[in-house]
Amino acid sequence: MHSSQRFWGTLTRKERWSLSWRGALIAALLVLLSGLLLVLNIQPFLAVTQRADARVLVAEGWVHDFAIRAAADEFRSGSYDHVYVTGGPVAGLGHYVNDYQTSASVGAERLAAAGVPTDRLQMVPSHVNGRDRTYSSAVALRDWFRAHHVSLRNINVVTEDVHARRTRLLFQKALGPDVEVGIIAAQTPDYDPKRWWRYSEGVRDVIGESIAYVYARLFFWPKE
């Protein structure tokens, strides 16, 4: 690279490389290709299903009916001893009232209606409302196991499609490295996951969960 100076070094002229029109075209095509690959693969990345060899099943109580049915089917098809249902205050209350006005209680009732025996169901409510609800629910579950002297080595968690990867991450943060967290993503019937960008629900869910996952992965560090 050639350079020259004038006025006692206060001004400098340097030659530099820049993109030609061909280079700019190739760069634009690479950006478009990367964006296309991201669009095609982000939904399967978020809606991950990776089961652990577990006898403990956890269901997030806030989920819609299709995920409740998926949790009931998973219980019937697996070798689970119990289903633990997590969740904080029911949306709209604004604060914790009592355990029976939590999504853990509501979810347990819905699972019982879906055919899960009540003697195999245990609600584990969280008292936290607002931010970090999934993590707070996982902490409540961890504390319940500790209080009842239940040794835990692996679990499977059922949740809704694109929420799955973030759920597994936050449960893993709460339960620690000694517990293997498996995850089961129940697919929504409201849109085609292969063409999620064509549906308002798909755009809202995928983009929202993408942002939330990046936050949980890079910026969420619990104090505990």
Protein backbone atom coordinates (compact mmCIF):
# COMPACT_ATOMS: atom_id res chain seq x y z
CA MET A 1 0.00 0.00 0.00
CA HIS A 2 1.45 3.35 -1.06
CA SER A 3 1.07 6.41 1.16
CA SER A 4 2.31 9.97 1.10
CA GLN A 5 2.27 12.81 3.57
CA ARG A 6 1.95 16.59 3.27
CA PHE A 7 2.20 19.56 5.60
CA TRP A 8 4.64 18.01 8.04
CA GLY A 9 2.64 14.81 8.39
CA THR A 10 -0.72 16.36 9.29
CA LEU A 11 -2.29 15.02 6.09
CA THR A 12 -1.86 11.47 4.78
CA ARG A 13 -2.90 9.96 1.46
CA LYS A 14 -3.13 6.18 1.20
CA GLU A 15 -4.15 3.82 -1.52
CA ARG A 16 -6.77 1.26 -0.45
CA TRP A 17 -8.60 -1.74 -1.80
CA SER A 18 -12.38 -1.56 -2.29
CA LEU A 19 -15.04 -3.82 -3.73
CA SER A 20 -15.60 -3.73 -7.45
CA TRP A 21 -19.13 -4.11 -8.76
CA ARG A 22 -18.48 -7.84 -9.12
CA GLY A 23 -17.25 -8.04 -5.53
CA ALA A 24 -20.25 -6.05 -4.29
CA LEU A 25 -22.57 -8.37 -6.21
CA ILE A 26 -20.94 -11.48 -4.71
CA ALA A 27 -21.11 -9.97 -1.21
CA ALA A 28 -24.81 -9.16 -1.68
CA LEU A 29 -25.51 -12.69 -2.90
CA LEU A 30 -23.70 -14.14 0.12
CA VAL A 31 -25.78 -11.98 2.45
CA LEU A 32 -29.00 -13.06 0.71
CA LEU A 33 -27.97 -16.71 0.82
CA SER A 34 -27.13 -16.46 4.53
CA GLY A 35 -30.50 -14.83 5.19
CA LEU A 36 -32.30 -17.56 3.24
CA LEU A 37 -30.52 -20.31 5.17
CA LEU A 38 -31.40 -18.58 8.44
CA VAL A 39 -35.08 -18.32 7.48
CA LEU A 40 -35.23 -21.99 6.48
CA ASN A 41 -33.43 -23.33 9.54
CA ILE A 42 -34.33 -21.09 12.48
CA GLN A 43 -37.68 -22.72 13.25
CA PRO A 44 -36.30 -26.31 13.44
CA PHE A 45 -33.38 -24.97 15.49
CA LEU A 46 -35.70 -23.42 18.07
CA ALA A 47 -38.30 -26.22 18.06
CA VAL A 48 -35.83 -28.90 19.07
CA THR A 49 -36.81 -32.33 20.40
CA GLN A 50 -34.08 -34.32 22.13
CA ARG A 51 -35.33 -36.78 24.70
CA ALA A 52 -33.34 -37.98 27.68
CA ASP A 53 -33.70 -41.48 29.10
CA ALA A 54 -35.84 -40.18 31.94
CA ARG A 55 -38.61 -41.38 34.24
CA VAL A 56 -39.53 -37.83 35.22
CA LEU A 57 -41.70 -35.77 32.87
CA VAL A 58 -42.17 -32.02 33.28
CA ALA A 59 -44.91 -30.05 31.55
CA GLU A 60 -45.04 -26.27 31.42
CA GLY A 61 -48.52 -25.38 32.60
CA TRP A 62 -48.99 -22.19 30.55
CA VAL A 63 -49.01 -23.99 27.18
CA HIS A 64 -51.96 -24.30 24.82
CA ASP A 65 -54.14 -27.39 24.49
CA PHE A 66 -52.09 -29.00 21.71
CA ALA A 67 -49.05 -29.09 24.01
CA ILE A 68 -51.13 -30.43 26.91
CA ARG A 69 -52.26 -33.27 24.64
CA ALA A 70 -48.65 -33.86 23.58
CA ALA A 71 -47.60 -34.08 27.24
CA ALA A 72 -50.39 -36.55 28.00
CA ASP A 73 -49.41 -38.67 24.97
CA GLU A 74 -45.75 -38.55 26.02
CA PHE A 75 -46.67 -39.78 29.50
CA ARG A 76 -48.71 -42.66 28.12
CA SER A 77 -46.06 -43.72 25.60
CA GLY A 78 -43.07 -43.39 27.93
CA SER A 79 -41.98 -45.06 31.16
CA TYR A 80 -42.61 -42.10 33.43
CA ASP A 81 -43.32 -42.29 37.13
CA HIS A 82 -44.75 -38.80 37.53
CA VAL A 83 -45.58 -35.62 35.66
CA TYR A 84 -44.55 -32.37 37.34
CA VAL A 85 -46.36 -29.27 36.13
CA THR A 86 -44.64 -25.90 36.45
CA GLY A 87 -45.79 -22.32 36.13
CA GLY A 88 -46.31 -19.01 37.90
CA PRO A 89 -49.35 -16.78 38.52
CA VAL A 90 -52.06 -17.01 35.89
CA ALA A 91 -51.75 -14.28 33.26
CA GLY A 92 -53.92 -11.29 34.09
CA LEU A 93 -53.64 -11.49 37.87
CA GLY A 94 -50.54 -9.33 38.01
CA HIS A 95 -49.17 -11.00 41.15
CA TYR A 96 -49.15 -14.23 43.13
CA VAL A 97 -52.43 -14.97 44.98
CA ASN A 98 -52.21 -18.66 45.88
CA ASP A 99 -50.94 -21.92 44.40
CA TYR A 100 -54.29 -22.71 42.81
CA GLN A 101 -54.25 -19.55 40.73
CA THR A 102 -51.06 -20.48 38.93
CA SER A 103 -50.54 -22.03 35.52
CA ALA A 104 -49.04 -25.03 37.33
CA SER A 105 -52.40 -25.76 38.94
CA VAL A 106 -54.35 -25.02 35.77
CA GLY A 107 -52.00 -27.18 33.70
CA ALA A 108 -52.33 -30.09 36.15
CA GLU A 109 -56.12 -29.93 35.87
CA ARG A 110 -55.91 -29.93 32.08
CA LEU A 111 -53.54 -32.91 32.08
CA ALA A 112 -55.93 -34.80 34.36
CA ALA A 113 -58.75 -34.03 31.92
CA ALA A 114 -56.50 -35.35 29.12
CA GLY A 115 -56.22 -38.70 30.90
CA VAL A 116 -53.13 -38.46 33.11
CA PRO A 117 -53.91 -40.17 36.47
CA THR A 118 -54.17 -37.63 39.27
CA ASP A 119 -51.99 -39.74 41.56
CA ARG A 120 -49.16 -39.34 39.03
CA LEU A 121 -49.54 -35.56 38.78
CA GLN A 122 -47.76 -33.01 40.93
CA MET A 123 -48.11 -29.27 40.48
CA VAL A 124 -45.03 -27.21 41.35
CA PRO A 125 -46.06 -23.56 41.31
CA SER A 126 -43.75 -20.58 41.09
CA HIS A 127 -44.60 -17.33 42.87
CA VAL A 128 -42.73 -15.16 40.38
CA ASN A 129 -44.65 -13.03 37.91
CA GLY A 130 -43.17 -10.97 35.09
CA ARG A 131 -39.62 -11.42 33.79
CA ASP A 132 -37.75 -14.74 33.58
CA ARG A 133 -40.85 -16.83 34.25
CA THR A 134 -39.46 -19.98 32.65
CA TYR A 135 -36.29 -19.81 34.71
CA SER A 136 -38.27 -19.07 37.89
CA SER A 137 -40.47 -22.09 37.21
CA ALA A 138 -37.38 -24.26 36.81
CA VAL A 139 -35.95 -22.92 40.08
CA ALA A 140 -39.24 -23.71 41.86
CA LEU A 141 -39.03 -27.26 40.49
CA ARG A 142 -35.43 -27.61 41.64
CA ASP A 143 -36.32 -26.37 45.13
CA TRP A 144 -39.30 -28.74 45.31
CA PHE A 145 -37.09 -31.73 44.54
CA ARG A 146 -34.58 -30.63 47.15
CA ALA A 147 -37.25 -30.06 49.80
CA HIS A 148 -38.73 -33.52 49.17
CA HIS A 149 -35.31 -35.20 48.97
CA VAL A 150 -35.87 -36.42 45.42
CA SER A 151 -32.66 -37.41 43.65
CA LEU A 152 -32.74 -36.17 40.09
CA ARG A 153 -30.45 -37.26 37.26
CA ASN A 154 -32.48 -36.63 34.11
CA ILE A 155 -35.83 -35.20 33.06
CA ASN A 156 -37.82 -34.55 29.92
CA VAL A 157 -39.66 -31.24 29.53
CA VAL A 158 -42.65 -30.74 27.22
CA THR A 159 -43.32 -27.25 25.91
CA GLU A 160 -44.49 -25.44 22.79
CA ASP A 161 -42.47 -25.71 19.54
CA VAL A 162 -40.16 -22.67 19.20
CA HIS A 163 -40.04 -22.14 22.98
CA ALA A 164 -38.26 -25.50 23.34
CA ARG A 165 -34.60 -24.56 22.97
CA ARG A 166 -34.88 -21.65 25.39
CA THR A 167 -36.80 -23.81 27.87
CA ARG A 168 -34.07 -26.44 27.85
CA LEU A 169 -31.37 -23.79 28.29
CA LEU A 170 -33.09 -22.16 31.26
CA PHE A 171 -34.00 -25.46 32.95
CA GLN A 172 -30.38 -26.51 32.55
CA LYS A 173 -29.20 -23.27 34.15
CA ALA A 174 -31.57 -23.81 37.08
CA LEU A 175 -30.98 -27.53 37.62
CA GLY A 176 -27.24 -27.47 37.05
CA PRO A 177 -24.80 -29.63 35.09
CA ASP A 178 -25.52 -32.81 37.08
CA VAL A 179 -29.04 -33.10 35.63
CA GLU A 180 -29.60 -34.03 31.99
CA VAL A 181 -32.47 -32.00 30.55
CA GLY A 182 -34.29 -33.55 27.61
CA ILE A 183 -36.76 -31.46 25.64
CA ILE A 184 -39.90 -32.26 23.65
CA ALA A 185 -41.35 -29.60 21.34
CA ALA A 186 -45.08 -29.89 20.67
CA GLN A 187 -45.80 -28.51 17.21
CA THR A 188 -48.52 -25.89 16.92
CA PRO A 189 -51.36 -26.62 14.48
CA ASP A 190 -51.76 -22.92 13.70
CA TYR A 191 -49.11 -22.70 10.97
CA ASP A 192 -46.83 -24.79 8.78
CA PRO A 193 -43.37 -24.77 10.42
CA LYS A 194 -41.70 -25.13 7.02
CA ARG A 195 -43.30 -21.87 5.86
CA TRP A 196 -43.63 -20.00 9.13
CA TRP A 197 -42.93 -16.62 7.49
CA ARG A 198 -46.24 -16.82 5.63
CA TYR A 199 -48.28 -16.69 8.86
CA SER A 200 -48.59 -13.84 11.33
CA GLU A 201 -48.49 -16.33 14.22
CA GLY A 202 -45.34 -17.89 12.81
CA VAL A 203 -43.58 -14.55 12.36
CA ARG A 204 -44.51 -13.45 15.87
CA ASP A 205 -43.47 -16.73 17.49
CA VAL A 206 -40.23 -17.34 15.60
CA ILE A 207 -38.88 -13.79 15.72
CA GLY A 208 -39.92 -13.28 19.33
CA GLU A 209 -38.35 -16.55 20.47
CA SER A 210 -35.21 -15.91 18.45
CA ILE A 211 -34.67 -12.64 20.31
CA ALA A 212 -35.52 -14.23 23.65
CA TYR A 213 -33.14 -17.13 23.06
CA VAL A 214 -30.25 -14.82 22.16
CA TYR A 215 -30.93 -12.85 25.34
CA ALA A 216 -31.06 -16.03 27.46
CA ARG A 217 -27.91 -17.42 25.88
CA LEU A 218 -25.73 -14.30 25.93
CA PHE A 219 -27.09 -11.88 28.52
CA PHE A 220 -29.00 -13.83 31.18
CA TRP A 221 -26.80 -14.78 34.10
CA PRO A 222 -28.80 -15.68 37.22
CA LYS A 223 -27.44 -14.53 40.54
CA GLU A 224 -27.74 -17.97 42.12
